[in-house]
Amino acid sequence: MSGDVELVLVSNRGPATFERTKDGGFEPRRGGGGLVTALTGLVHHRDALWIASTLSDEDAEAAAQHGGGSFECELEDVTYRIRLVESDADAYERFYNVVANPMLWFIQHYL
C-alpha cells in the first residue's frame, strides 16, 4: 500500500463479516452491499483503515480477540485493515434506523 496520508473509511457495514469455524476461530467473509464494492478499490492504492460496526455476535467476538483495535484481514487477494466498533443497542437503533436509513439514504439517492 502506498500514499502519503492514511485514508480512514467509516461505514456501518465493513468489508468483512465474521463466521465461526469448526475449530472455534473466525473466518472472514466479504461484506455485502454496494458501498463495500465501491470503496474496495481505494484500499488497493492507499494505506487505509476501515472502521465499521459489528453486525453480529461473531463480529463482536472477532473484534474482542484483537483488543478492540485494528487488525488485518485478507479477502479475495485484498488485505484490509479494519477496526470493528460495537455500539450501544439503543444508540445504534437511533443513528441507523432514525437518521441514516430514512434521512441520509433519501438525501444521497433522491436529491
PDB file of N, CA and C in Angstrom:
ATOM      1  N   MET A   1       0.843  -1.177   0.000  1.00  0.00           N
ATOM      2  CA  MET A   1       0.000   0.000   0.000  1.00  0.00           C
ATOM      3  C   MET A   1       0.882   1.232   0.000  1.00  0.00           C
ATOM      4  N   SER A   2       0.417   2.276  -0.649  1.00  0.00           N
ATOM      5  CA  SER A   2       1.211   3.487  -0.708  1.00  0.00           C
ATOM      6  C   SER A   2       0.323   4.694  -0.481  1.00  0.00           C
ATOM      7  N   GLY A   3       0.949   5.827  -0.359  1.00  0.00           N
ATOM      8  CA  GLY A   3       0.221   7.071  -0.141  1.00  0.00           C
ATOM      9  C   GLY A   3       0.847   7.805   1.028  1.00  0.00           C
ATOM     10  N   ASP A   4       0.828   9.115   0.950  1.00  0.00           N
ATOM     11  CA  ASP A   4       1.448   9.922   1.992  1.00  0.00           C
ATOM     12  C   ASP A   4       0.577  10.052   3.233  1.00  0.00           C
ATOM     13  N   VAL A   5      -0.716  10.053   3.058  1.00  0.00           N
ATOM     14  CA  VAL A   5      -1.639  10.258   4.165  1.00  0.00           C
ATOM     15  C   VAL A   5      -2.540   9.042   4.285  1.00  0.00           C
ATOM     16  N   GLU A   6      -2.688   8.566   5.516  1.00  0.00           N
ATOM     17  CA  GLU A   6      -3.572   7.421   5.734  1.00  0.00           C
ATOM     18  C   GLU A   6      -5.017   7.816   5.427  1.00  0.00           C
ATOM     19  N   LEU A   7      -5.721   6.927   4.790  1.00  0.00           N
ATOM     20  CA  LEU A   7      -7.131   7.120   4.480  1.00  0.00           C
ATOM     21  C   LEU A   7      -7.943   6.361   5.516  1.00  0.00           C
ATOM     22  N   VAL A   8      -8.936   7.019   6.106  1.00  0.00           N
ATOM     23  CA  VAL A   8      -9.818   6.381   7.071  1.00  0.00           C
ATOM     24  C   VAL A   8     -11.206   6.312   6.458  1.00  0.00           C
ATOM     25  N   LEU A   9     -11.713   5.095   6.296  1.00  0.00           N
ATOM     26  CA  LEU A   9     -13.058   4.866   5.780  1.00  0.00           C
ATOM     27  C   LEU A   9     -13.941   4.493   6.961  1.00  0.00           C
ATOM     28  N   VAL A  10     -15.115   5.102   7.054  1.00  0.00           N
ATOM     29  CA  VAL A  10     -16.039   4.809   8.146  1.00  0.00           C
ATOM     30  C   VAL A  10     -17.392   4.495   7.541  1.00  0.00           C
ATOM     31  N   SER A  11     -17.925   3.323   7.873  1.00  0.00           N
ATOM     32  CA  SER A  11     -19.230   2.926   7.351  1.00  0.00           C
ATOM     33  C   SER A  11     -19.902   1.991   8.343  1.00  0.00           C
ATOM     34  N   ASN A  12     -21.183   1.832   8.190  1.00  0.00           N
ATOM     35  CA  ASN A  12     -21.901   0.891   9.037  1.00  0.00           C
ATOM     36  C   ASN A  12     -21.437  -0.529   8.733  1.00  0.00           C
ATOM     37  N   ARG A  13     -21.450  -0.886   7.477  1.00  0.00           N
ATOM     38  CA  ARG A  13     -21.052  -2.231   7.052  1.00  0.00           C
ATOM     39  C   ARG A  13     -19.618  -2.181   6.549  1.00  0.00           C
ATOM     40  N   GLY A  14     -18.811  -3.082   7.035  1.00  0.00           N
ATOM     41  CA  GLY A  14     -17.410  -3.105   6.644  1.00  0.00           C
ATOM     42  C   GLY A  14     -17.136  -4.077   5.519  1.00  0.00           C
ATOM     43  N   PRO A  15     -15.873  -4.209   5.146  1.00  0.00           N
ATOM     44  CA  PRO A  15     -15.512  -5.083   4.038  1.00  0.00           C
ATOM     45  C   PRO A  15     -15.611  -6.565   4.380  1.00  0.00           C
ATOM     46  N   ALA A  16     -15.702  -6.871   5.675  1.00  0.00           N
ATOM     47  CA  ALA A  16     -15.755  -8.274   6.100  1.00  0.00           C
ATOM     48  C   ALA A  16     -16.752  -8.448   7.232  1.00  0.00           C
ATOM     49  N   THR A  17     -17.335  -9.616   7.266  1.00  0.00           N
ATOM     50  CA  THR A  17     -18.115 -10.063   8.408  1.00  0.00           C
ATOM     51  C   THR A  17     -17.533 -11.412   8.799  1.00  0.00           C
ATOM     52  N   PHE A  18     -17.702 -11.808  10.021  1.00  0.00           N
ATOM     53  CA  PHE A  18     -17.011 -12.998  10.505  1.00  0.00           C
ATOM     54  C   PHE A  18     -17.975 -14.114  10.857  1.00  0.00           C
ATOM     55  N   GLU A  19     -17.545 -15.337  10.533  1.00  0.00           N
ATOM     56  CA  GLU A  19     -18.309 -16.542  10.863  1.00  0.00           C
ATOM     57  C   GLU A  19     -17.411 -17.450  11.689  1.00  0.00           C
ATOM     58  N   ARG A  20     -18.013 -18.150  12.634  1.00  0.00           N
ATOM     59  CA  ARG A  20     -17.248 -19.070  13.481  1.00  0.00           C
ATOM     60  C   ARG A  20     -16.903 -20.327  12.685  1.00  0.00           C
ATOM     61  N   THR A  21     -15.665 -20.780  12.855  1.00  0.00           N
ATOM     62  CA  THR A  21     -15.220 -22.017  12.211  1.00  0.00           C
ATOM     63  C   THR A  21     -15.399 -23.186  13.176  1.00  0.00           C
ATOM     64  N   LYS A  22     -15.264 -24.401  12.658  1.00  0.00           N
ATOM     65  CA  LYS A  22     -15.430 -25.600  13.491  1.00  0.00           C
ATOM     66  C   LYS A  22     -14.427 -25.662  14.634  1.00  0.00           C
ATOM     67  N   ASP A  23     -13.245 -25.080  14.426  1.00  0.00           N
ATOM     68  CA  ASP A  23     -12.224 -25.118  15.480  1.00  0.00           C
ATOM     69  C   ASP A  23     -12.354 -23.964  16.477  1.00  0.00           C
ATOM     70  N   GLY A  24     -13.417 -23.168  16.353  1.00  0.00           N
ATOM     71  CA  GLY A  24     -13.660 -22.086  17.299  1.00  0.00           C
ATOM     72  C   GLY A  24     -13.083 -20.747  16.898  1.00  0.00           C
ATOM     73  N   GLY A  25     -12.371 -20.705  15.786  1.00  0.00           N
ATOM     74  CA  GLY A  25     -11.820 -19.447  15.302  1.00  0.00           C
ATOM     75  C   GLY A  25     -12.854 -18.679  14.493  1.00  0.00           C
ATOM     76  N   PHE A  26     -12.381 -17.682  13.774  1.00  0.00           N
ATOM     77  CA  PHE A  26     -13.270 -16.876  12.942  1.00  0.00           C
ATOM     78  C   PHE A  26     -12.731 -16.801  11.526  1.00  0.00           C
ATOM     79  N   GLU A  27     -13.620 -16.887  10.581  1.00  0.00           N
ATOM     80  CA  GLU A  27     -13.260 -16.784   9.173  1.00  0.00           C
ATOM     81  C   GLU A  27     -13.980 -15.583   8.577  1.00  0.00           C
ATOM     82  N   PRO A  28     -13.222 -14.704   7.898  1.00  0.00           N
ATOM     83  CA  PRO A  28     -13.872 -13.545   7.290  1.00  0.00           C
ATOM     84  C   PRO A  28     -14.617 -13.924   6.014  1.00  0.00           C
ATOM     85  N   ARG A  29     -15.719 -13.267   5.801  1.00  0.00           N
ATOM     86  CA  ARG A  29     -16.492 -13.355   4.560  1.00  0.00           C
ATOM     87  C   ARG A  29     -16.679 -11.933   4.061  1.00  0.00           C
ATOM     88  N   ARG A  30     -16.738 -11.774   2.768  1.00  0.00           N
ATOM     89  CA  ARG A  30     -16.901 -10.445   2.188  1.00  0.00           C
ATOM     90  C   ARG A  30     -18.201  -9.813   2.662  1.00  0.00           C
ATOM     91  N   GLY A  31     -18.117  -8.555   3.093  1.00  0.00           N
ATOM     92  CA  GLY A  31     -19.304  -7.805   3.479  1.00  0.00           C
ATOM     93  C   GLY A  31     -20.152  -7.506   2.259  1.00  0.00           C
ATOM     94  N   GLY A  32     -21.437  -7.472   2.429  1.00  0.00           N
ATOM     95  CA  GLY A  32     -22.344  -7.234   1.313  1.00  0.00           C
ATOM     96  C   GLY A  32     -22.562  -5.754   1.057  1.00  0.00           C
ATOM     97  N   GLY A  33     -23.176  -5.482  -0.059  1.00  0.00           N
ATOM     98  CA  GLY A  33     -23.578  -4.115  -0.363  1.00  0.00           C
ATOM     99  C   GLY A  33     -22.680  -3.416  -1.355  1.00  0.00           C
ATOM    100  N   GLY A  34     -23.242  -2.413  -1.955  1.00  0.00           N
ATOM    101  CA  GLY A  34     -22.541  -1.643  -2.974  1.00  0.00           C
ATOM    102  C   GLY A  34     -21.417  -0.781  -2.432  1.00  0.00           C
ATOM    103  N   LEU A  35     -21.550  -0.323  -1.198  1.00  0.00           N
ATOM    104  CA  LEU A  35     -20.512   0.528  -0.623  1.00  0.00           C
ATOM    105  C   LEU A  35     -19.194  -0.229  -0.504  1.00  0.00           C
ATOM    106  N   VAL A  36     -19.262  -1.464  -0.065  1.00  0.00           N
ATOM    107  CA  VAL A  36     -18.051  -2.286   0.049  1.00  0.00           C
ATOM    108  C   VAL A  36     -17.395  -2.430  -1.322  1.00  0.00           C
ATOM    109  N   THR A  37     -18.178  -2.718  -2.330  1.00  0.00           N
ATOM    110  CA  THR A  37     -17.652  -2.850  -3.690  1.00  0.00           C
ATOM    111  C   THR A  37     -17.020  -1.545  -4.160  1.00  0.00           C
ATOM    112  N   ALA A  38     -17.701  -0.439  -3.923  1.00  0.00           N
ATOM    113  CA  ALA A  38     -17.220   0.861  -4.395  1.00  0.00           C
ATOM    114  C   ALA A  38     -15.924   1.291  -3.703  1.00  0.00           C
ATOM    115  N   LEU A  39     -15.807   1.035  -2.421  1.00  0.00           N
ATOM    116  CA  LEU A  39     -14.650   1.523  -1.674  1.00  0.00           C
ATOM    117  C   LEU A  39     -13.461   0.575  -1.672  1.00  0.00           C
ATOM    118  N   THR A  40     -13.672  -0.668  -2.053  1.00  0.00           N
ATOM    119  CA  THR A  40     -12.575  -1.640  -2.047  1.00  0.00           C
ATOM    120  C   THR A  40     -11.423  -1.200  -2.942  1.00  0.00           C
ATOM    121  N   GLY A  41     -11.707  -0.578  -4.058  1.00  0.00           N
ATOM    122  CA  GLY A  41     -10.654  -0.119  -4.957  1.00  0.00           C
ATOM    123  C   GLY A  41      -9.690   0.853  -4.304  1.00  0.00           C
ATOM    124  N   LEU A  42     -10.174   1.658  -3.370  1.00  0.00           N
ATOM    125  CA  LEU A  42      -9.301   2.609  -2.685  1.00  0.00           C
ATOM    126  C   LEU A  42      -8.232   1.905  -1.862  1.00  0.00           C
ATOM    127  N   VAL A  43      -8.587   0.766  -1.307  1.00  0.00           N
ATOM    128  CA  VAL A  43      -7.665   0.040  -0.435  1.00  0.00           C
ATOM    129  C   VAL A  43      -6.454  -0.469  -1.216  1.00  0.00           C
ATOM    130  N   HIS A  44      -6.624  -0.714  -2.506  1.00  0.00           N
ATOM    131  CA  HIS A  44      -5.508  -1.183  -3.340  1.00  0.00           C
ATOM    132  C   HIS A  44      -4.431  -0.114  -3.492  1.00  0.00           C
ATOM    133  N   HIS A  45      -4.811   1.146  -3.412  1.00  0.00           N
ATOM    134  CA  HIS A  45      -3.898   2.232  -3.748  1.00  0.00           C
ATOM    135  C   HIS A  45      -3.486   3.097  -2.566  1.00  0.00           C
ATOM    136  N   ARG A  46      -4.090   2.892  -1.415  1.00  0.00           N
ATOM    137  CA  ARG A  46      -3.810   3.746  -0.264  1.00  0.00           C
ATOM    138  C   ARG A  46      -3.661   2.914   0.992  1.00  0.00           C
ATOM    139  N   ASP A  47      -2.917   3.446   1.939  1.00  0.00           N
ATOM    140  CA  ASP A  47      -2.877   2.862   3.277  1.00  0.00           C
ATOM    141  C   ASP A  47      -4.185   3.274   3.933  1.00  0.00           C
ATOM    142  N   ALA A  48      -5.070   2.330   4.157  1.00  0.00           N
ATOM    143  CA  ALA A  48      -6.410   2.665   4.632  1.00  0.00           C
ATOM    144  C   ALA A  48      -6.778   1.874   5.875  1.00  0.00           C
ATOM    145  N   LEU A  49      -7.502   2.537   6.744  1.00  0.00           N
ATOM    146  CA  LEU A  49      -8.119   1.897   7.898  1.00  0.00           C
ATOM    147  C   LEU A  49      -9.621   1.997   7.686  1.00  0.00           C
ATOM    148  N   TRP A  50     -10.310   0.867   7.744  1.00  0.00           N
ATOM    149  CA  TRP A  50     -11.762   0.833   7.540  1.00  0.00           C
ATOM    150  C   TRP A  50     -12.420   0.555   8.882  1.00  0.00           C
ATOM    151  N   ILE A  51     -13.152   1.534   9.394  1.00  0.00           N
ATOM    152  CA  ILE A  51     -13.859   1.410  10.666  1.00  0.00           C
ATOM    153  C   ILE A  51     -15.316   1.104  10.360  1.00  0.00           C
ATOM    154  N   ALA A  52     -15.853   0.065  11.003  1.00  0.00           N
ATOM    155  CA  ALA A  52     -17.229  -0.353  10.728  1.00  0.00           C
ATOM    156  C   ALA A  52     -17.875  -0.894  11.996  1.00  0.00           C
ATOM    157  N   SER A  53     -19.180  -0.987  11.958  1.00  0.00           N
ATOM    158  CA  SER A  53     -19.947  -1.532  13.080  1.00  0.00           C
ATOM    159  C   SER A  53     -19.835  -3.047  13.131  1.00  0.00           C
ATOM    160  N   THR A  54     -19.908  -3.584  14.339  1.00  0.00           N
ATOM    161  CA  THR A  54     -20.088  -5.028  14.470  1.00  0.00           C
ATOM    162  C   THR A  54     -21.553  -5.301  14.155  1.00  0.00           C
ATOM    163  N   LEU A  55     -21.810  -6.239  13.267  1.00  0.00           N
ATOM    164  CA  LEU A  55     -23.187  -6.527  12.860  1.00  0.00           C
ATOM    165  C   LEU A  55     -23.669  -7.887  13.339  1.00  0.00           C
ATOM    166  N   SER A  56     -22.815  -8.600  14.057  1.00  0.00           N
ATOM    167  CA  SER A  56     -23.198  -9.916  14.579  1.00  0.00           C
ATOM    168  C   SER A  56     -22.391 -10.194  15.841  1.00  0.00           C
ATOM    169  N   ASP A  57     -22.808 -11.204  16.573  1.00  0.00           N
ATOM    170  CA  ASP A  57     -22.045 -11.614  17.755  1.00  0.00           C
ATOM    171  C   ASP A  57     -20.642 -12.052  17.359  1.00  0.00           C
ATOM    172  N   GLU A  58     -20.528 -12.717  16.214  1.00  0.00           N
ATOM    173  CA  GLU A  58     -19.210 -13.166  15.740  1.00  0.00           C
ATOM    174  C   GLU A  58     -18.309 -11.974  15.417  1.00  0.00           C
ATOM    175  N   ASP A  59     -18.866 -10.932  14.817  1.00  0.00           N
ATOM    176  CA  ASP A  59     -18.078  -9.722  14.560  1.00  0.00           C
ATOM    177  C   ASP A  59     -17.550  -9.146  15.872  1.00  0.00           C
ATOM    178  N   ALA A  60     -18.424  -9.064  16.878  1.00  0.00           N
ATOM    179  CA  ALA A  60     -18.027  -8.508  18.176  1.00  0.00           C
ATOM    180  C   ALA A  60     -16.939  -9.362  18.822  1.00  0.00           C
ATOM    181  N   GLU A  61     -17.054 -10.674  18.715  1.00  0.00           N
ATOM    182  CA  GLU A  61     -16.046 -11.564  19.294  1.00  0.00           C
ATOM    183  C   GLU A  61     -14.718 -11.454  18.544  1.00  0.00           C
ATOM    184  N   ALA A  62     -14.776 -11.326  17.222  1.00  0.00           N
ATOM    185  CA  ALA A  62     -13.547 -11.155  16.436  1.00  0.00           C
ATOM    186  C   ALA A  62     -12.857  -9.849  16.824  1.00  0.00           C
ATOM    187  N   ALA A  63     -13.636  -8.790  17.011  1.00  0.00           N
ATOM    188  CA  ALA A  63     -13.068  -7.508  17.441  1.00  0.00           C
ATOM    189  C   ALA A  63     -12.429  -7.641  18.816  1.00  0.00           C
ATOM    190  N   ALA A  64     -13.107  -8.333  19.725  1.00  0.00           N
ATOM    191  CA  ALA A  64     -12.590  -8.513  21.084  1.00  0.00           C
ATOM    192  C   ALA A  64     -11.279  -9.296  21.080  1.00  0.00           C
ATOM    193  N   GLN A  65     -11.134 -10.245  20.166  1.00  0.00           N
ATOM    194  CA  GLN A  65      -9.882 -11.012  20.070  1.00  0.00           C
ATOM    195  C   GLN A  65      -8.699 -10.114  19.731  1.00  0.00           C
ATOM    196  N   HIS A  66      -8.986  -8.959  19.145  1.00  0.00           N
ATOM    197  CA  HIS A  66      -7.929  -8.018  18.780  1.00  0.00           C
ATOM    198  C   HIS A  66      -7.916  -6.814  19.725  1.00  0.00           C
ATOM    199  N   GLY A  67      -8.510  -6.991  20.899  1.00  0.00           N
ATOM    200  CA  GLY A  67      -8.496  -5.931  21.904  1.00  0.00           C
ATOM    201  C   GLY A  67      -9.260  -4.689  21.502  1.00  0.00           C
ATOM    202  N   GLY A  68     -10.171  -4.812  20.557  1.00  0.00           N
ATOM    203  CA  GLY A  68     -10.926  -3.658  20.089  1.00  0.00           C
ATOM    204  C   GLY A  68     -10.142  -2.760  19.149  1.00  0.00           C
ATOM    205  N   GLY A  69      -8.925  -3.145  18.839  1.00  0.00           N
ATOM    206  CA  GLY A  69      -8.091  -2.340  17.945  1.00  0.00           C
ATOM    207  C   GLY A  69      -8.211  -2.794  16.503  1.00  0.00           C
ATOM    208  N   SER A  70      -7.402  -2.204  15.659  1.00  0.00           N
ATOM    209  CA  SER A  70      -7.443  -2.567  14.242  1.00  0.00           C
ATOM    210  C   SER A  70      -6.657  -3.856  14.017  1.00  0.00           C
ATOM    211  N   PHE A  71      -7.019  -4.550  12.958  1.00  0.00           N
ATOM    212  CA  PHE A  71      -6.329  -5.780  12.582  1.00  0.00           C
ATOM    213  C   PHE A  71      -6.457  -5.983  11.083  1.00  0.00           C
ATOM    214  N   GLU A  72      -5.546  -6.772  10.533  1.00  0.00           N
ATOM    215  CA  GLU A  72      -5.572  -7.040   9.099  1.00  0.00           C
ATOM    216  C   GLU A  72      -6.407  -8.268   8.799  1.00  0.00           C
ATOM    217  N   CYS A  73      -7.064  -8.210   7.666  1.00  0.00           N
ATOM    218  CA  CYS A  73      -7.961  -9.273   7.234  1.00  0.00           C
ATOM    219  C   CYS A  73      -7.786  -9.436   5.726  1.00  0.00           C
ATOM    220  N   GLU A  74      -7.496 -10.644   5.279  1.00  0.00           N
ATOM    221  CA  GLU A  74      -7.301 -10.926   3.851  1.00  0.00           C
ATOM    222  C   GLU A  74      -8.569 -11.529   3.271  1.00  0.00           C
ATOM    223  N   LEU A  75      -9.053 -10.920   2.199  1.00  0.00           N
ATOM    224  CA  LEU A  75     -10.244 -11.396   1.492  1.00  0.00           C
ATOM    225  C   LEU A  75     -10.054 -11.200   0.002  1.00  0.00           C
ATOM    226  N   GLU A  76     -10.235 -12.242  -0.757  1.00  0.00           N
ATOM    227  CA  GLU A  76     -10.188 -12.145  -2.224  1.00  0.00           C
ATOM    228  C   GLU A  76      -8.949 -11.388  -2.703  1.00  0.00           C
ATOM    229  N   ASP A  77      -7.790 -11.757  -2.160  1.00  0.00           N
ATOM    230  CA  ASP A  77      -6.499 -11.167  -2.532  1.00  0.00           C
ATOM    231  C   ASP A  77      -6.369  -9.688  -2.194  1.00  0.00           C
ATOM    232  N   VAL A  78      -7.178  -9.199  -1.277  1.00  0.00           N
ATOM    233  CA  VAL A  78      -7.077  -7.822  -0.801  1.00  0.00           C
ATOM    234  C   VAL A  78      -6.858  -7.877   0.706  1.00  0.00           C
ATOM    235  N   THR A  79      -5.873  -7.117   1.178  1.00  0.00           N
ATOM    236  CA  THR A  79      -5.639  -7.028   2.614  1.00  0.00           C
ATOM    237  C   THR A  79      -6.292  -5.756   3.125  1.00  0.00           C
ATOM    238  N   TYR A  80      -7.227  -5.926   4.031  1.00  0.00           N
ATOM    239  CA  TYR A  80      -7.920  -4.804   4.657  1.00  0.00           C
ATOM    240  C   TYR A  80      -7.383  -4.628   6.068  1.00  0.00           C
ATOM    241  N   ARG A  81      -7.250  -3.397   6.492  1.00  0.00           N
ATOM    242  CA  ARG A  81      -7.002  -3.114   7.912  1.00  0.00           C
ATOM    243  C   ARG A  81      -8.318  -2.578   8.442  1.00  0.00           C
ATOM    244  N   ILE A  82      -8.918  -3.309   9.362  1.00  0.00           N
ATOM    245  CA  ILE A  82     -10.249  -2.947   9.837  1.00  0.00           C
ATOM    246  C   ILE A  82     -10.256  -2.780  11.356  1.00  0.00           C
ATOM    247  N   ARG A  83     -11.200  -2.003  11.799  1.00  0.00           N
ATOM    248  CA  ARG A  83     -11.499  -1.875  13.228  1.00  0.00           C
ATOM    249  C   ARG A  83     -13.007  -1.952  13.357  1.00  0.00           C
ATOM    250  N   LEU A  84     -13.467  -2.935  14.104  1.00  0.00           N
ATOM    251  CA  LEU A  84     -14.897  -3.130  14.301  1.00  0.00           C
ATOM    252  C   LEU A  84     -15.304  -2.506  15.627  1.00  0.00           C
ATOM    253  N   VAL A  85     -16.367  -1.713  15.584  1.00  0.00           N
ATOM    254  CA  VAL A  85     -16.828  -0.968  16.752  1.00  0.00           C
ATOM    255  C   VAL A  85     -18.209  -1.464  17.145  1.00  0.00           C
ATOM    256  N   GLU A  86     -18.358  -1.817  18.413  1.00  0.00           N
ATOM    257  CA  GLU A  86     -19.651  -2.265  18.919  1.00  0.00           C
ATOM    258  C   GLU A  86     -20.362  -1.076  19.557  1.00  0.00           C
ATOM    259  N   SER A  87     -21.578  -0.812  19.125  1.00  0.00           N
ATOM    260  CA  SER A  87     -22.361   0.315  19.633  1.00  0.00           C
ATOM    261  C   SER A  87     -23.402  -0.154  20.633  1.00  0.00           C
ATOM    262  N   ASP A  88     -23.781   0.742  21.515  1.00  0.00           N
ATOM    263  CA  ASP A  88     -24.916   0.503  22.390  1.00  0.00           C
ATOM    264  C   ASP A  88     -26.142   0.257  21.511  1.00  0.00           C
ATOM    265  N   ALA A  89     -26.948  -0.741  21.847  1.00  0.00           N
ATOM    266  CA  ALA A  89     -28.088  -1.132  21.003  1.00  0.00           C
ATOM    267  C   ALA A  89     -29.077   0.013  20.782  1.00  0.00           C
ATOM    268  N   ASP A  90     -29.378   0.797  21.815  1.00  0.00           N
ATOM    269  CA  ASP A  90     -30.317   1.919  21.655  1.00  0.00           C
ATOM    270  C   ASP A  90     -29.726   3.017  20.777  1.00  0.00           C
ATOM    271  N   ALA A  91     -28.449   3.318  20.976  1.00  0.00           N
ATOM    272  CA  ALA A  91     -27.792   4.333  20.153  1.00  0.00           C
ATOM    273  C   ALA A  91     -27.750   3.887  18.694  1.00  0.00           C
ATOM    274  N   TYR A  92     -27.438   2.613  18.464  1.00  0.00           N
ATOM    275  CA  TYR A  92     -27.399   2.085  17.098  1.00  0.00           C
ATOM    276  C   TYR A  92     -28.767   2.206  16.434  1.00  0.00           C
ATOM    277  N   GLU A  93     -29.805   1.836  17.151  1.00  0.00           N
ATOM    278  CA  GLU A  93     -31.173   1.928  16.623  1.00  0.00           C
ATOM    279  C   GLU A  93     -31.486   3.354  16.195  1.00  0.00           C
ATOM    280  N   ARG A  94     -31.111   4.318  17.016  1.00  0.00           N
ATOM    281  CA  ARG A  94     -31.413   5.723  16.693  1.00  0.00           C
ATOM    282  C   ARG A  94     -30.598   6.216  15.504  1.00  0.00           C
ATOM    283  N   PHE A  95     -29.279   5.960  15.492  1.00  0.00           N
ATOM    284  CA  PHE A  95     -28.499   6.524  14.391  1.00  0.00           C
ATOM    285  C   PHE A  95     -28.718   5.781  13.087  1.00  0.00           C
ATOM    286  N   TYR A  96     -28.981   4.493  13.135  1.00  0.00           N
ATOM    287  CA  TYR A  96     -29.131   3.754  11.884  1.00  0.00           C
ATOM    288  C   TYR A  96     -30.556   3.799  11.349  1.00  0.00           C
ATOM    289  N   ASN A  97     -31.523   3.529  12.199  1.00  0.00           N
ATOM    290  CA  ASN A  97     -32.911   3.431  11.735  1.00  0.00           C
ATOM    291  C   ASN A  97     -33.691   4.736  11.803  1.00  0.00           C
ATOM    292  N   VAL A  98     -33.162   5.751  12.487  1.00  0.00           N
ATOM    293  CA  VAL A  98     -33.844   7.044  12.549  1.00  0.00           C
ATOM    294  C   VAL A  98     -33.151   8.065  11.652  1.00  0.00           C
ATOM    295  N   VAL A  99     -31.819   8.085  11.672  1.00  0.00           N
ATOM    296  CA  VAL A  99     -31.086   9.092  10.896  1.00  0.00           C
ATOM    297  C   VAL A  99     -30.568   8.531   9.572  1.00  0.00           C
ATOM    298  N   ALA A 100     -29.748   7.499   9.621  1.00  0.00           N
ATOM    299  CA  ALA A 100     -29.050   7.033   8.417  1.00  0.00           C
ATOM    300  C   ALA A 100     -29.991   6.522   7.341  1.00  0.00           C
ATOM    301  N   ASN A 101     -30.807   5.546   7.656  1.00  0.00           N
ATOM    302  CA  ASN A 101     -31.648   4.960   6.608  1.00  0.00           C
ATOM    303  C   ASN A 101     -32.724   5.900   6.097  1.00  0.00           C
ATOM    304  N   PRO A 102     -33.600   6.441   6.933  1.00  0.00           N
ATOM    305  CA  PRO A 102     -34.676   7.251   6.379  1.00  0.00           C
ATOM    306  C   PRO A 102     -34.213   8.594   5.819  1.00  0.00           C
ATOM    307  N   MET A 103     -33.231   9.229   6.458  1.00  0.00           N
ATOM    308  CA  MET A 103     -32.864  10.574   6.047  1.00  0.00           C
ATOM    309  C   MET A 103     -31.684  10.591   5.080  1.00  0.00           C
ATOM    310  N   LEU A 104     -30.554  10.033   5.492  1.00  0.00           N
ATOM    311  CA  LEU A 104     -29.362  10.107   4.652  1.00  0.00           C
ATOM    312  C   LEU A 104     -29.506   9.311   3.360  1.00  0.00           C
ATOM    313  N   TRP A 105     -30.147   8.166   3.409  1.00  0.00           N
ATOM    314  CA  TRP A 105     -30.371   7.378   2.201  1.00  0.00           C
ATOM    315  C   TRP A 105     -31.165   8.197   1.189  1.00  0.00           C
ATOM    316  N   PHE A 106     -32.210   8.837   1.650  1.00  0.00           N
ATOM    317  CA  PHE A 106     -33.040   9.666   0.770  1.00  0.00           C
ATOM    318  C   PHE A 106     -32.215  10.808   0.176  1.00  0.00           C
ATOM    319  N   ILE A 107     -31.460  11.504   1.007  1.00  0.00           N
ATOM    320  CA  ILE A 107     -30.661  12.638   0.533  1.00  0.00           C
ATOM    321  C   ILE A 107     -29.646  12.185  -0.514  1.00  0.00           C
ATOM    322  N   GLN A 108     -28.963  11.080  -0.268  1.00  0.00           N
ATOM    323  CA  GLN A 108     -27.911  10.626  -1.174  1.00  0.00           C
ATOM    324  C   GLN A 108     -28.442  10.012  -2.463  1.00  0.00           C
ATOM    325  N   HIS A 109     -29.640   9.469  -2.438  1.00  0.00           N
ATOM    326  CA  HIS A 109     -30.135   8.773  -3.618  1.00  0.00           C
ATOM    327  C   HIS A 109     -31.225   9.509  -4.390  1.00  0.00           C
ATOM    328  N   TYR A 110     -31.890  10.444  -3.751  1.00  0.00           N
ATOM    329  CA  TYR A 110     -33.030  11.073  -4.421  1.00  0.00           C
ATOM    330  C   TYR A 110     -32.935  12.582  -4.571  1.00  0.00           C
ATOM    331  N   LEU A 111     -31.943  13.226  -3.996  1.00  0.00           N
ATOM    332  CA  LEU A 111     -31.809  14.677  -4.171  1.00  0.00           C
ATOM    333  C   LEU A 111     -30.709  15.006  -5.143  1.00  0.00           C
TER     334      LEU A 111
END
